[in-house]
N, C-alpha and C. Protein backbone atom coordinates (compact mmCIF):
# COMPACT_ATOMS: atom_id res chain seq x y z
N LEU A 1 39.80 1.38 32.60
CA LEU A 1 40.53 0.23 33.06
C LEU A 1 42.01 0.37 32.71
N PHE A 2 42.87 -0.28 33.53
CA PHE A 2 44.29 -0.22 33.26
C PHE A 2 44.86 -1.63 33.23
N CYS A 3 45.71 -1.89 32.26
CA CYS A 3 46.41 -3.16 32.15
C CYS A 3 47.90 -2.85 32.21
N HIS A 4 48.50 -3.16 33.38
CA HIS A 4 49.90 -2.82 33.60
C HIS A 4 50.05 -1.31 33.51
N ASP A 5 50.78 -0.81 32.52
CA ASP A 5 50.96 0.64 32.39
C ASP A 5 50.21 1.19 31.19
N ARG A 6 49.26 0.42 30.65
CA ARG A 6 48.51 0.86 29.48
C ARG A 6 47.05 1.04 29.84
N LYS A 7 46.45 2.11 29.33
CA LYS A 7 45.03 2.34 29.56
C LYS A 7 44.21 1.60 28.52
N ILE A 8 43.16 0.92 28.96
CA ILE A 8 42.31 0.16 28.06
C ILE A 8 40.98 0.89 27.93
N GLN A 9 40.59 1.20 26.71
CA GLN A 9 39.37 1.95 26.44
C GLN A 9 38.32 1.02 25.85
N GLY A 10 37.08 1.18 26.28
CA GLY A 10 36.00 0.41 25.69
C GLY A 10 35.78 0.79 24.23
N THR A 11 35.09 -0.06 23.50
CA THR A 11 34.88 0.18 22.07
C THR A 11 33.57 0.89 21.76
N VAL A 12 32.70 1.05 22.76
CA VAL A 12 31.44 1.78 22.55
C VAL A 12 31.60 3.16 23.16
N PHE A 13 31.61 4.18 22.31
CA PHE A 13 31.83 5.55 22.75
C PHE A 13 30.50 6.29 22.86
N PRO A 14 30.44 7.39 23.62
CA PRO A 14 29.22 8.18 23.70
C PRO A 14 28.77 8.64 22.32
N ASN A 15 27.49 8.48 22.05
CA ASN A 15 26.93 8.92 20.77
C ASN A 15 26.76 10.44 20.79
N PRO A 16 27.40 11.17 19.87
CA PRO A 16 27.35 12.64 19.90
C PRO A 16 25.96 13.22 19.64
N SER A 17 25.10 12.47 18.96
CA SER A 17 23.75 12.96 18.66
C SER A 17 22.71 12.30 19.55
N PHE A 18 23.13 11.90 20.74
CA PHE A 18 22.27 11.17 21.67
C PHE A 18 21.06 11.98 22.10
N ASP A 19 19.88 11.37 22.02
CA ASP A 19 18.62 11.98 22.46
C ASP A 19 17.86 10.92 23.26
N PRO A 20 17.93 10.95 24.58
CA PRO A 20 17.30 9.89 25.38
C PRO A 20 15.79 9.78 25.18
N MET A 21 15.12 10.91 24.94
CA MET A 21 13.68 10.87 24.72
C MET A 21 13.34 10.12 23.44
N MET A 22 14.05 10.44 22.36
CA MET A 22 13.79 9.77 21.09
C MET A 22 14.12 8.28 21.18
N ASP A 23 15.24 7.96 21.82
CA ASP A 23 15.63 6.56 21.96
C ASP A 23 14.60 5.79 22.79
N ALA A 24 14.14 6.39 23.89
CA ALA A 24 13.15 5.73 24.75
C ALA A 24 11.84 5.49 23.99
N GLN A 25 11.44 6.46 23.18
CA GLN A 25 10.21 6.32 22.40
C GLN A 25 10.34 5.23 21.34
N MET A 26 11.50 5.18 20.69
CA MET A 26 11.71 4.15 19.66
C MET A 26 11.75 2.76 20.28
N ILE A 27 12.37 2.65 21.45
CA ILE A 27 12.40 1.36 22.14
C ILE A 27 11.01 0.97 22.60
N GLY A 28 10.24 1.96 23.08
CA GLY A 28 8.86 1.70 23.48
C GLY A 28 8.05 1.15 22.33
N GLY A 29 8.23 1.73 21.14
CA GLY A 29 7.52 1.23 19.96
C GLY A 29 7.99 -0.16 19.56
N ALA A 30 9.30 -0.40 19.70
CA ALA A 30 9.85 -1.70 19.32
C ALA A 30 9.35 -2.82 20.23
N LEU A 31 8.99 -2.49 21.46
CA LEU A 31 8.55 -3.50 22.42
C LEU A 31 7.05 -3.69 22.45
N GLN A 32 6.33 -2.95 21.65
CA GLN A 32 4.88 -3.10 21.59
C GLN A 32 4.50 -4.36 20.83
N GLY A 33 3.35 -4.92 21.16
CA GLY A 33 2.87 -6.09 20.45
C GLY A 33 3.48 -7.38 20.95
N PHE A 34 3.14 -8.47 20.28
CA PHE A 34 3.58 -9.80 20.71
C PHE A 34 5.06 -10.00 20.47
N GLU A 35 5.56 -9.56 19.32
CA GLU A 35 6.98 -9.68 19.01
C GLU A 35 7.62 -8.30 19.01
N CYS A 36 8.86 -8.23 19.44
CA CYS A 36 9.55 -6.95 19.47
C CYS A 36 10.41 -6.79 18.22
N ASP A 37 10.74 -5.56 17.93
CA ASP A 37 11.61 -5.25 16.80
C ASP A 37 13.05 -5.31 17.29
N LYS A 38 13.69 -6.44 17.10
CA LYS A 38 15.04 -6.64 17.62
C LYS A 38 16.05 -5.72 16.96
N ASP A 39 15.84 -5.39 15.69
CA ASP A 39 16.78 -4.52 14.98
C ASP A 39 16.87 -3.15 15.63
N VAL A 40 15.73 -2.64 16.08
CA VAL A 40 15.72 -1.33 16.75
C VAL A 40 16.52 -1.40 18.05
N LEU A 41 16.30 -2.45 18.81
CA LEU A 41 17.04 -2.60 20.07
C LEU A 41 18.54 -2.67 19.82
N ILE A 42 18.93 -3.43 18.81
CA ILE A 42 20.35 -3.55 18.48
C ILE A 42 20.92 -2.20 18.03
N ASP A 43 20.22 -1.53 17.12
CA ASP A 43 20.71 -0.26 16.57
C ASP A 43 20.90 0.80 17.64
N ILE A 44 20.03 0.79 18.65
CA ILE A 44 20.11 1.82 19.69
C ILE A 44 21.05 1.41 20.82
N LEU A 45 20.80 0.27 21.42
CA LEU A 45 21.50 -0.08 22.66
C LEU A 45 22.97 -0.45 22.45
N THR A 46 23.32 -0.93 21.27
CA THR A 46 24.73 -1.25 21.03
C THR A 46 25.52 -0.05 20.53
N GLN A 47 24.83 1.07 20.29
CA GLN A 47 25.51 2.27 19.80
C GLN A 47 25.47 3.41 20.82
N ARG A 48 25.18 3.07 22.05
CA ARG A 48 25.17 4.06 23.14
C ARG A 48 26.09 3.55 24.25
N CYS A 49 26.84 4.45 24.87
CA CYS A 49 27.69 4.04 25.98
C CYS A 49 26.83 3.71 27.20
N ASN A 50 27.43 3.14 28.22
CA ASN A 50 26.67 2.69 29.38
C ASN A 50 25.91 3.82 30.04
N ALA A 51 26.55 4.98 30.20
CA ALA A 51 25.87 6.12 30.85
C ALA A 51 24.65 6.55 30.04
N GLN A 52 24.75 6.51 28.72
CA GLN A 52 23.62 6.88 27.87
C GLN A 52 22.51 5.84 27.96
N ARG A 53 22.86 4.57 28.06
CA ARG A 53 21.83 3.53 28.21
C ARG A 53 21.10 3.68 29.54
N MET A 54 21.81 4.11 30.59
CA MET A 54 21.15 4.34 31.87
C MET A 54 20.16 5.51 31.77
N MET A 55 20.51 6.53 31.00
CA MET A 55 19.62 7.67 30.78
C MET A 55 18.39 7.25 29.99
N ILE A 56 18.58 6.36 29.02
CA ILE A 56 17.44 5.85 28.26
C ILE A 56 16.47 5.12 29.18
N ALA A 57 17.01 4.29 30.09
CA ALA A 57 16.16 3.54 31.02
C ALA A 57 15.37 4.48 31.92
N GLN A 58 16.02 5.55 32.40
CA GLN A 58 15.33 6.52 33.24
C GLN A 58 14.22 7.23 32.47
N THR A 59 14.52 7.62 31.24
CA THR A 59 13.52 8.32 30.42
C THR A 59 12.36 7.39 30.09
N TYR A 60 12.68 6.13 29.79
CA TYR A 60 11.65 5.13 29.48
C TYR A 60 10.71 4.96 30.66
N ALA A 61 11.27 4.87 31.87
CA ALA A 61 10.45 4.71 33.07
C ALA A 61 9.51 5.89 33.25
N GLY A 62 10.02 7.11 32.95
CA GLY A 62 9.18 8.29 33.06
C GLY A 62 8.06 8.32 32.03
N LEU A 63 8.33 7.80 30.83
CA LEU A 63 7.34 7.81 29.75
C LEU A 63 6.28 6.74 29.92
N TYR A 64 6.71 5.53 30.31
CA TYR A 64 5.80 4.38 30.28
C TYR A 64 5.47 3.83 31.67
N GLY A 65 6.10 4.37 32.70
CA GLY A 65 5.77 3.94 34.05
C GLY A 65 6.18 2.53 34.39
N ARG A 66 7.21 2.01 33.72
CA ARG A 66 7.68 0.67 34.04
C ARG A 66 9.19 0.60 33.85
N ASP A 67 9.77 -0.40 34.48
CA ASP A 67 11.22 -0.57 34.45
C ASP A 67 11.63 -1.24 33.14
N LEU A 68 12.48 -0.58 32.38
CA LEU A 68 12.89 -1.11 31.07
C LEU A 68 13.63 -2.43 31.20
N LEU A 69 14.53 -2.52 32.17
CA LEU A 69 15.30 -3.75 32.35
C LEU A 69 14.39 -4.94 32.60
N GLU A 70 13.42 -4.79 33.50
CA GLU A 70 12.52 -5.89 33.82
C GLU A 70 11.62 -6.23 32.64
N PHE A 71 11.22 -5.21 31.87
CA PHE A 71 10.35 -5.46 30.71
C PHE A 71 11.13 -6.20 29.62
N LEU A 72 12.39 -5.87 29.46
CA LEU A 72 13.22 -6.59 28.48
C LEU A 72 13.37 -8.05 28.88
N LYS A 73 13.50 -8.31 30.18
CA LYS A 73 13.59 -9.69 30.65
C LYS A 73 12.33 -10.48 30.30
N GLU A 74 11.17 -9.80 30.34
CA GLU A 74 9.90 -10.46 30.02
C GLU A 74 9.72 -10.69 28.53
N LYS A 75 10.15 -9.72 27.72
CA LYS A 75 9.88 -9.76 26.29
C LYS A 75 10.87 -10.59 25.48
N LEU A 76 12.09 -10.73 25.96
CA LEU A 76 13.13 -11.38 25.17
C LEU A 76 13.44 -12.78 25.70
N ASP A 77 14.17 -13.53 24.91
CA ASP A 77 14.60 -14.85 25.36
C ASP A 77 15.92 -15.23 24.69
N GLY A 78 16.48 -16.33 25.15
CA GLY A 78 17.69 -16.86 24.55
C GLY A 78 18.92 -15.98 24.75
N HIS A 79 19.90 -16.20 23.88
CA HIS A 79 21.15 -15.46 23.97
C HIS A 79 20.95 -13.97 23.68
N PHE A 80 19.97 -13.67 22.83
CA PHE A 80 19.69 -12.26 22.54
C PHE A 80 19.27 -11.54 23.82
N LYS A 81 18.46 -12.19 24.62
CA LYS A 81 18.05 -11.62 25.91
C LYS A 81 19.26 -11.40 26.80
N ASP A 82 20.16 -12.37 26.86
CA ASP A 82 21.35 -12.25 27.71
C ASP A 82 22.16 -11.01 27.35
N VAL A 83 22.33 -10.77 26.05
CA VAL A 83 23.14 -9.64 25.59
C VAL A 83 22.43 -8.31 25.88
N ILE A 84 21.18 -8.19 25.48
CA ILE A 84 20.46 -6.92 25.64
C ILE A 84 20.25 -6.58 27.11
N VAL A 85 19.86 -7.58 27.90
CA VAL A 85 19.67 -7.33 29.33
C VAL A 85 21.00 -6.95 29.98
N GLY A 86 22.08 -7.62 29.58
CA GLY A 86 23.40 -7.30 30.12
C GLY A 86 23.81 -5.87 29.83
N LEU A 87 23.41 -5.35 28.67
CA LEU A 87 23.75 -3.97 28.31
C LEU A 87 23.05 -2.95 29.20
N MET A 88 21.94 -3.35 29.82
CA MET A 88 21.15 -2.41 30.60
C MET A 88 21.55 -2.35 32.08
N TYR A 89 22.59 -3.08 32.44
CA TYR A 89 23.14 -2.96 33.80
C TYR A 89 24.28 -1.94 33.80
N SER A 90 24.43 -1.24 34.91
CA SER A 90 25.65 -0.44 35.10
C SER A 90 26.78 -1.43 35.35
N PRO A 91 28.05 -1.05 35.15
CA PRO A 91 29.15 -2.00 35.39
C PRO A 91 29.14 -2.65 36.77
N PRO A 92 28.94 -1.90 37.88
CA PRO A 92 28.90 -2.56 39.18
C PRO A 92 27.72 -3.52 39.31
N ALA A 93 26.56 -3.12 38.77
CA ALA A 93 25.38 -3.97 38.85
C ALA A 93 25.56 -5.24 38.02
N TYR A 94 26.24 -5.12 36.88
CA TYR A 94 26.47 -6.30 36.05
C TYR A 94 27.43 -7.26 36.74
N ASP A 95 28.48 -6.73 37.35
CA ASP A 95 29.40 -7.59 38.11
C ASP A 95 28.66 -8.31 39.22
N ALA A 96 27.81 -7.57 39.93
CA ALA A 96 27.03 -8.17 41.03
C ALA A 96 26.12 -9.27 40.48
N HIS A 97 25.50 -9.01 39.35
CA HIS A 97 24.62 -9.98 38.70
C HIS A 97 25.38 -11.26 38.36
N GLU A 98 26.56 -11.12 37.79
CA GLU A 98 27.36 -12.28 37.41
C GLU A 98 27.85 -13.05 38.63
N LEU A 99 28.25 -12.34 39.68
CA LEU A 99 28.71 -13.01 40.90
C LEU A 99 27.58 -13.78 41.56
N TRP A 100 26.40 -13.19 41.58
CA TRP A 100 25.24 -13.85 42.18
C TRP A 100 24.94 -15.16 41.46
N HIS A 101 24.90 -15.11 40.13
CA HIS A 101 24.57 -16.31 39.37
C HIS A 101 25.70 -17.34 39.42
N ALA A 102 26.93 -16.87 39.62
CA ALA A 102 28.06 -17.80 39.74
C ALA A 102 27.97 -18.64 41.00
N MET A 103 27.31 -18.11 42.03
CA MET A 103 27.21 -18.81 43.31
C MET A 103 25.81 -19.37 43.57
N LYS A 104 24.88 -19.09 42.68
CA LYS A 104 23.50 -19.52 42.87
C LYS A 104 23.34 -21.00 42.49
N GLY A 105 22.56 -21.72 43.27
CA GLY A 105 22.27 -23.11 42.94
C GLY A 105 23.43 -24.04 43.26
N ALA A 106 23.35 -25.25 42.69
CA ALA A 106 24.37 -26.26 42.96
C ALA A 106 25.66 -25.91 42.22
N GLY A 107 26.77 -26.01 42.93
CA GLY A 107 28.06 -25.72 42.32
C GLY A 107 28.34 -24.23 42.25
N THR A 108 29.59 -23.91 42.06
CA THR A 108 30.03 -22.51 41.98
C THR A 108 30.92 -22.33 40.76
N GLU A 109 30.64 -21.30 39.97
CA GLU A 109 31.48 -21.01 38.81
C GLU A 109 32.70 -20.23 39.29
N GLU A 110 33.71 -20.96 39.68
CA GLU A 110 34.88 -20.34 40.29
C GLU A 110 35.61 -19.40 39.33
N ASN A 111 35.64 -19.73 38.05
CA ASN A 111 36.34 -18.87 37.08
C ASN A 111 35.70 -17.49 37.00
N CYS A 112 34.38 -17.43 37.14
CA CYS A 112 33.69 -16.14 37.13
C CYS A 112 34.09 -15.30 38.33
N LEU A 113 34.16 -15.91 39.50
CA LEU A 113 34.57 -15.20 40.70
C LEU A 113 35.99 -14.65 40.54
N ILE A 114 36.86 -15.47 39.98
CA ILE A 114 38.25 -15.04 39.78
C ILE A 114 38.33 -13.91 38.77
N ASP A 115 37.67 -14.08 37.62
CA ASP A 115 37.74 -13.08 36.55
C ASP A 115 37.32 -11.70 37.03
N ILE A 116 36.28 -11.65 37.85
CA ILE A 116 35.76 -10.35 38.30
C ILE A 116 36.59 -9.81 39.47
N LEU A 117 36.71 -10.57 40.52
CA LEU A 117 37.30 -10.04 41.75
C LEU A 117 38.80 -9.80 41.64
N ALA A 118 39.50 -10.58 40.83
CA ALA A 118 40.94 -10.41 40.71
C ALA A 118 41.33 -9.27 39.77
N SER A 119 40.37 -8.80 38.97
CA SER A 119 40.71 -7.78 37.96
C SER A 119 40.17 -6.39 38.27
N ARG A 120 39.35 -6.26 39.30
CA ARG A 120 38.72 -4.98 39.59
C ARG A 120 39.56 -4.16 40.58
N THR A 121 39.45 -2.84 40.46
CA THR A 121 40.14 -1.95 41.38
C THR A 121 39.40 -1.94 42.72
N THR A 122 40.03 -1.34 43.71
CA THR A 122 39.39 -1.23 45.03
C THR A 122 38.07 -0.48 44.92
N SER A 123 38.05 0.60 44.15
CA SER A 123 36.82 1.36 43.96
C SER A 123 35.74 0.52 43.29
N ASP A 124 36.13 -0.26 42.27
CA ASP A 124 35.18 -1.13 41.57
C ASP A 124 34.54 -2.12 42.53
N ILE A 125 35.35 -2.73 43.39
CA ILE A 125 34.84 -3.75 44.30
C ILE A 125 33.90 -3.13 45.34
N CYS A 126 34.23 -1.93 45.81
CA CYS A 126 33.33 -1.24 46.75
C CYS A 126 31.96 -1.01 46.11
N GLN A 127 31.96 -0.59 44.86
CA GLN A 127 30.70 -0.32 44.16
C GLN A 127 29.92 -1.59 43.87
N LEU A 128 30.61 -2.65 43.46
CA LEU A 128 29.88 -3.88 43.14
C LEU A 128 29.34 -4.54 44.41
N LYS A 129 30.05 -4.38 45.54
CA LYS A 129 29.54 -4.92 46.80
C LYS A 129 28.24 -4.21 47.21
N GLU A 130 28.22 -2.91 47.02
CA GLU A 130 27.01 -2.14 47.32
C GLU A 130 25.88 -2.55 46.40
N ALA A 131 26.19 -2.72 45.10
CA ALA A 131 25.16 -3.14 44.14
C ALA A 131 24.66 -4.54 44.47
N TYR A 132 25.54 -5.42 44.90
CA TYR A 132 25.17 -6.79 45.25
C TYR A 132 24.16 -6.81 46.40
N THR A 133 24.44 -6.01 47.41
CA THR A 133 23.52 -5.94 48.56
C THR A 133 22.18 -5.34 48.17
N MET A 134 22.19 -4.30 47.34
CA MET A 134 20.96 -3.66 46.91
C MET A 134 20.11 -4.58 46.04
N GLN A 135 20.75 -5.34 45.14
CA GLN A 135 20.01 -6.19 44.22
C GLN A 135 19.53 -7.49 44.85
N TYR A 136 20.31 -8.05 45.76
CA TYR A 136 19.99 -9.39 46.26
C TYR A 136 19.79 -9.47 47.77
N GLY A 137 20.01 -8.35 48.46
CA GLY A 137 19.77 -8.33 49.90
C GLY A 137 20.73 -9.17 50.70
N ASN A 138 21.84 -9.57 50.09
CA ASN A 138 22.84 -10.40 50.77
C ASN A 138 24.17 -9.67 50.84
N SER A 139 25.01 -10.14 51.73
CA SER A 139 26.38 -9.65 51.80
C SER A 139 27.25 -10.49 50.87
N LEU A 140 27.99 -9.85 49.98
CA LEU A 140 28.88 -10.59 49.08
C LEU A 140 29.90 -11.39 49.87
N ASP A 141 30.46 -10.79 50.91
CA ASP A 141 31.45 -11.48 51.74
C ASP A 141 30.87 -12.77 52.32
N GLN A 142 29.65 -12.69 52.83
CA GLN A 142 29.03 -13.86 53.47
C GLN A 142 28.71 -14.94 52.44
N ASP A 143 28.25 -14.53 51.26
CA ASP A 143 27.93 -15.52 50.23
C ASP A 143 29.18 -16.23 49.74
N ILE A 144 30.27 -15.47 49.58
CA ILE A 144 31.53 -16.10 49.17
C ILE A 144 31.99 -17.07 50.25
N TYR A 145 31.87 -16.68 51.50
CA TYR A 145 32.31 -17.54 52.61
C TYR A 145 31.52 -18.84 52.64
N SER A 146 30.22 -18.77 52.35
CA SER A 146 29.39 -19.97 52.42
C SER A 146 29.47 -20.85 51.18
N GLU A 147 29.89 -20.27 50.04
CA GLU A 147 29.87 -21.02 48.78
C GLU A 147 31.24 -21.49 48.32
N THR A 148 32.31 -21.08 49.02
CA THR A 148 33.66 -21.51 48.65
C THR A 148 34.35 -22.07 49.89
N SER A 149 35.59 -22.52 49.71
CA SER A 149 36.29 -23.12 50.85
C SER A 149 37.80 -23.03 50.67
N GLY A 150 38.53 -23.32 51.75
CA GLY A 150 39.97 -23.43 51.71
C GLY A 150 40.69 -22.14 51.37
N HIS A 151 41.89 -22.30 50.79
CA HIS A 151 42.70 -21.13 50.43
C HIS A 151 42.02 -20.29 49.35
N PHE A 152 41.24 -20.96 48.50
CA PHE A 152 40.50 -20.21 47.47
C PHE A 152 39.55 -19.22 48.12
N ARG A 153 38.81 -19.67 49.13
CA ARG A 153 37.91 -18.78 49.86
C ARG A 153 38.69 -17.67 50.56
N ASP A 154 39.81 -18.01 51.17
CA ASP A 154 40.61 -17.00 51.87
C ASP A 154 41.05 -15.90 50.91
N GLY A 155 41.47 -16.30 49.71
CA GLY A 155 41.91 -15.32 48.73
C GLY A 155 40.79 -14.40 48.27
N LEU A 156 39.62 -14.99 48.01
CA LEU A 156 38.48 -14.18 47.57
C LEU A 156 38.03 -13.21 48.67
N ILE A 157 37.97 -13.70 49.90
CA ILE A 157 37.59 -12.84 51.02
C ILE A 157 38.57 -11.69 51.17
N ASN A 158 39.84 -11.99 50.98
CA ASN A 158 40.86 -10.94 51.03
C ASN A 158 40.59 -9.89 49.96
N LEU A 159 40.24 -10.34 48.76
CA LEU A 159 39.99 -9.40 47.66
C LEU A 159 38.79 -8.49 47.93
N VAL A 160 37.71 -9.06 48.47
CA VAL A 160 36.50 -8.24 48.69
C VAL A 160 36.61 -7.35 49.93
N GLN A 161 37.66 -7.53 50.71
CA GLN A 161 37.88 -6.63 51.84
C GLN A 161 38.59 -5.34 51.41
N VAL A 162 38.79 -5.21 50.10
CA VAL A 162 39.36 -4.01 49.46
C VAL A 162 40.62 -3.50 50.17
N LEU A 163 41.58 -4.39 50.34
CA LEU A 163 42.85 -4.03 50.96
C LEU A 163 43.95 -3.78 49.92
N ARG A 164 43.62 -3.98 48.64
CA ARG A 164 44.65 -3.84 47.61
C ARG A 164 45.11 -2.40 47.48
N GLU A 165 46.43 -2.23 47.37
CA GLU A 165 46.98 -0.90 47.13
C GLU A 165 46.59 -0.44 45.73
N GLU A 166 46.55 0.87 45.54
CA GLU A 166 46.16 1.42 44.24
C GLU A 166 47.27 2.27 43.64
N GLY A 167 47.75 1.90 42.47
CA GLY A 167 48.67 2.72 41.70
C GLY A 167 50.08 2.85 42.24
N TYR A 168 50.38 2.16 43.34
CA TYR A 168 51.70 2.31 43.97
C TYR A 168 52.70 1.36 43.33
N THR A 169 53.88 1.87 42.99
CA THR A 169 54.94 1.02 42.46
C THR A 169 56.27 1.37 43.11
N ASP A 170 57.04 0.35 43.47
CA ASP A 170 58.36 0.53 44.05
C ASP A 170 59.22 -0.65 43.59
N PRO A 171 60.20 -0.41 42.71
CA PRO A 171 61.02 -1.50 42.19
C PRO A 171 61.70 -2.31 43.28
N GLY A 172 62.14 -1.65 44.35
CA GLY A 172 62.81 -2.37 45.43
C GLY A 172 61.88 -3.35 46.12
N ILE A 173 60.66 -2.88 46.43
CA ILE A 173 59.69 -3.77 47.08
C ILE A 173 59.24 -4.86 46.13
N ALA A 174 59.11 -4.52 44.85
CA ALA A 174 58.72 -5.53 43.85
C ALA A 174 59.75 -6.65 43.80
N MET A 175 61.03 -6.29 43.87
CA MET A 175 62.09 -7.29 43.89
C MET A 175 62.00 -8.17 45.13
N GLN A 176 61.74 -7.54 46.30
CA GLN A 176 61.61 -8.30 47.54
C GLN A 176 60.42 -9.25 47.49
N ASP A 177 59.29 -8.75 46.98
CA ASP A 177 58.09 -9.59 46.88
C ASP A 177 58.32 -10.76 45.92
N ALA A 178 58.96 -10.47 44.79
CA ALA A 178 59.23 -11.52 43.81
C ALA A 178 60.14 -12.59 44.41
N MET A 179 61.16 -12.16 45.13
CA MET A 179 62.08 -13.11 45.77
C MET A 179 61.35 -13.94 46.82
N ALA A 180 60.49 -13.29 47.62
CA ALA A 180 59.75 -14.01 48.65
C ALA A 180 58.82 -15.05 48.03
N LEU A 181 58.14 -14.67 46.94
CA LEU A 181 57.25 -15.61 46.25
C LEU A 181 58.04 -16.76 45.65
N TRP A 182 59.14 -16.44 45.03
CA TRP A 182 59.97 -17.47 44.40
C TRP A 182 60.48 -18.48 45.42
N GLU A 183 61.01 -18.00 46.53
CA GLU A 183 61.56 -18.89 47.54
C GLU A 183 60.46 -19.72 48.21
N ALA A 184 59.31 -19.06 48.47
CA ALA A 184 58.21 -19.78 49.12
C ALA A 184 57.68 -20.90 48.22
N CYS A 185 57.57 -20.63 46.93
CA CYS A 185 57.07 -21.65 46.01
C CYS A 185 58.08 -22.77 45.80
N GLN A 186 59.37 -22.45 45.92
CA GLN A 186 60.39 -23.48 45.79
C GLN A 186 60.35 -24.44 46.98
N ARG A 187 60.12 -23.89 48.17
CA ARG A 187 60.12 -24.72 49.39
C ARG A 187 58.82 -25.51 49.52
N ARG A 188 57.70 -24.89 49.16
CA ARG A 188 56.37 -25.52 49.24
C ARG A 188 56.12 -26.15 50.61
N THR A 189 56.31 -25.35 51.63
CA THR A 189 56.10 -25.83 53.00
C THR A 189 54.65 -25.69 53.46
N GLY A 190 53.83 -25.09 52.64
CA GLY A 190 52.46 -24.80 53.04
C GLY A 190 52.28 -23.32 53.28
N GLU A 191 53.35 -22.69 53.75
CA GLU A 191 53.31 -21.25 53.98
C GLU A 191 53.31 -20.47 52.66
N HIS A 192 53.72 -21.16 51.57
CA HIS A 192 53.79 -20.45 50.30
C HIS A 192 52.41 -19.97 49.85
N LYS A 193 51.36 -20.71 50.25
CA LYS A 193 50.01 -20.28 49.87
C LYS A 193 49.61 -18.99 50.59
N ASN A 194 49.99 -18.88 51.85
CA ASN A 194 49.73 -17.65 52.59
C ASN A 194 50.52 -16.48 52.02
N MET A 195 51.76 -16.76 51.61
CA MET A 195 52.59 -15.73 51.02
C MET A 195 52.00 -15.26 49.69
N LEU A 196 51.56 -16.22 48.88
CA LEU A 196 50.93 -15.88 47.60
C LEU A 196 49.71 -14.98 47.81
N GLN A 197 48.88 -15.37 48.76
CA GLN A 197 47.67 -14.60 49.03
C GLN A 197 48.00 -13.19 49.52
N MET A 198 48.94 -13.09 50.45
CA MET A 198 49.29 -11.80 51.03
C MET A 198 49.78 -10.82 49.96
N ILE A 199 50.60 -11.31 49.05
CA ILE A 199 51.18 -10.43 48.04
C ILE A 199 50.22 -10.22 46.87
N LEU A 200 49.69 -11.29 46.31
CA LEU A 200 48.87 -11.18 45.10
C LEU A 200 47.54 -10.48 45.34
N CYS A 201 47.00 -10.57 46.54
CA CYS A 201 45.70 -9.96 46.82
C CYS A 201 45.79 -8.52 47.36
N ASN A 202 46.99 -8.13 47.80
CA ASN A 202 47.11 -6.82 48.45
C ASN A 202 47.92 -5.79 47.67
N LYS A 203 48.83 -6.25 46.83
CA LYS A 203 49.65 -5.32 46.07
C LYS A 203 48.88 -4.77 44.87
N SER A 204 49.24 -3.56 44.44
CA SER A 204 48.58 -2.97 43.28
C SER A 204 48.89 -3.79 42.04
N HIS A 205 48.01 -3.69 41.03
CA HIS A 205 48.24 -4.43 39.79
C HIS A 205 49.54 -3.99 39.13
N GLN A 206 49.85 -2.70 39.21
CA GLN A 206 51.10 -2.20 38.62
C GLN A 206 52.31 -2.79 39.33
N GLN A 207 52.22 -2.91 40.67
CA GLN A 207 53.31 -3.48 41.45
C GLN A 207 53.50 -4.96 41.12
N LEU A 208 52.40 -5.66 40.95
CA LEU A 208 52.47 -7.09 40.63
C LEU A 208 53.10 -7.30 39.26
N PHE A 209 52.76 -6.44 38.31
CA PHE A 209 53.34 -6.56 36.97
C PHE A 209 54.84 -6.36 37.02
N MET A 210 55.26 -5.40 37.83
CA MET A 210 56.69 -5.16 37.99
C MET A 210 57.37 -6.37 38.64
N GLY A 211 56.74 -6.93 39.66
CA GLY A 211 57.29 -8.11 40.32
C GLY A 211 57.35 -9.31 39.40
N ASN A 212 56.37 -9.40 38.50
CA ASN A 212 56.33 -10.51 37.55
C ASN A 212 57.58 -10.51 36.66
N ARG A 213 58.07 -9.35 36.34
CA ARG A 213 59.29 -9.25 35.53
C ARG A 213 60.49 -9.83 36.28
N PHE A 214 60.55 -9.54 37.58
CA PHE A 214 61.67 -10.07 38.37
C PHE A 214 61.58 -11.59 38.49
N ILE A 215 60.36 -12.11 38.66
CA ILE A 215 60.20 -13.57 38.74
C ILE A 215 60.65 -14.23 37.45
N PHE A 216 60.35 -13.58 36.32
CA PHE A 216 60.79 -14.10 35.02
C PHE A 216 62.32 -14.19 34.98
N VAL A 217 62.97 -13.18 35.55
CA VAL A 217 64.43 -13.18 35.60
C VAL A 217 64.93 -14.34 36.47
N PHE A 218 64.27 -14.57 37.63
CA PHE A 218 64.68 -15.67 38.51
C PHE A 218 64.55 -17.01 37.79
N ILE A 219 63.42 -17.19 37.09
CA ILE A 219 63.19 -18.44 36.38
C ILE A 219 64.25 -18.64 35.30
N THR A 220 64.53 -17.58 34.58
CA THR A 220 65.53 -17.67 33.50
C THR A 220 66.90 -18.02 34.06
N CYS A 221 67.28 -17.36 35.14
CA CYS A 221 68.58 -17.65 35.76
C CYS A 221 68.65 -19.07 36.30
N SER A 222 67.54 -19.55 36.87
CA SER A 222 67.49 -20.90 37.41
C SER A 222 67.65 -21.93 36.29
N CYS A 223 66.99 -21.66 35.16
CA CYS A 223 67.09 -22.59 34.02
C CYS A 223 68.51 -22.60 33.45
N LEU A 224 69.12 -21.43 33.37
CA LEU A 224 70.47 -21.34 32.83
C LEU A 224 71.49 -22.04 33.73
N SER A 225 71.22 -21.97 35.05
CA SER A 225 72.18 -22.57 35.99
C SER A 225 72.17 -24.09 35.95
N THR A 226 71.10 -24.67 35.39
CA THR A 226 71.00 -26.13 35.30
C THR A 226 71.54 -26.66 33.98
N VAL A 227 71.84 -25.76 33.06
CA VAL A 227 72.33 -26.19 31.75
C VAL A 227 73.80 -26.59 31.83
């Protein structure tokens, strides 16, 4: 993941002594009987990176003939279940899972939709859309269209159409975009919402960060001019 011009690294690194067969066997033993050994699940699954956890699930299926993720859903409960089950999804599958539940039932968890769709790269969104269709048999675009409305829906639909530029930065264009956003928001004619959507949903995250600096300058100058 990238935040502006800084790379963000996860805190769970690949385990150098990883053995998927041993891990799968230990998890199999921990899940036997009426109660499971939660300490074993914690010690293994929180100390393996996502790719290693996926390998454990594959090995477990080969050993015991059942899906580890589904069996964990049956055996666990409460917040512990939420954490352990969440660890067993790939990143795209987990995003799809969260988006589905955000739109399922009465009401929509709009913050969840924003947190995921506004922060993912074009490649991430392509993968989560595929995972969403595979897991739930629905089109993410269609579900968003039916569960949201107005400019909020327009913005989300724009994001899932994967039109955002990737990695491109141009100080001149950033200045133009910042000026256009600033003037549109000052006038508030209604067109400013379309302008916000066009720029914020389509420009690369790096470009937006650069433009944000120019907007800060405009705000500062505007405040100084009123003093």
